[in-house]
Structure formats: C-alpha cells, structure tokens
Amino acid sequence: MNPQGPLAALHPLREPLPVGWWPPAPGWWLLAALVLAALFVLGWALFRRYRASAYRRRALAQFSRLVDEYGQSGDSRRLLTETNALLKSVALVAFARRDVASCSGATWLNFLNSALPEEEQFPPGFAAANYSKDAQDVDIQRLQRAASAWIKKHEATP
C-alpha cells in the first residue's frame, strides 16, 4: 500500500480568472443613462430658476445702493420714495399688472405685508409717508429689513 493518502496526490484546484469590470452589464448602462438624464433635468431647472430670479438680484443691488446713498445724505424722504418705486417695479415684474398697478396707500401696504411674517412687516407709516412731506416718523431700519426681506421672499405668480 501507498503510505501517502490519496488526497495528497491531487494537484491544487485552478481558480478561474477574476471577472473584469469592463464592459458593464446592461443594467449599469441604463442606470448611468438615468443618472445623466436626472442631472441634466436638475441642471436645467436650476438654470431656469437662476434666470427667473435675476430681477431679485438686480433689485437687491439697487436697494443696497439706495441704502448707501441714504447713509451718505440722510435724506429719509428720498429713501422712502425710491424704495416705494423699487418695490412697485419688482411687484410689476413678479405679479399680474392688474393686481399691482392700482395699489396705493393702505392697499399697497397690505399687499406688501401679506408676503411677510409679522416681525418682518413694513412699518405702519410707510404707505402714508410716501404722500406726506414729513417722513421722519417711519422706522428706517425696519423699512430696510422689510424691503430686503420682501424682495427676497415674495412668491411670484406665473
């Protein structure tokens, strides 16, 4: 008899070559196509949103210039008048003309305040100060915060 066991005479098993990563299976191609399509749609939506909010960026830049001019001159009457005109022009871009163009006084103030939470709303004398000679009773700091918040947060109607 053979002193070695029969298993000792066997050669080691040959392992198959590792499976390569290329070419991928059809499911991976489909997943890649879906991801690319989703990225394209997302990019297009973000681009459209960026273009649609261009008027907000321009209005904020213009409002910043108005505030800077107020800081230099201290003319609160001019700040009130030009802020009101800027807000009206922004509203005409964002909302239907028939809803905005005829607003003035308390109606205009209610329209502006309807888009803001209570702590960010325009000061009560803002609408009346546009039509009076004395604009000293309006809280300018609150007006600046409210105008900036309204330009950033209002919900435009299509």
Foldseek 3Di string as FASTA:
>chain_A
DDPDDPVVPDDDDDDDDDDDPPPPDVVVVVVVVVVVVVVVVVVVVVVVVVVLLPLLVVLVVVLVVLVVVCVVPVPVLVSLQVLVVSVLVLLVSQEPCVQRVPDAAPRNQCVLQVQDPPQLGADNCSRVSNVDPDPVVGDVVSNSSNSNCSSVGGHGDD
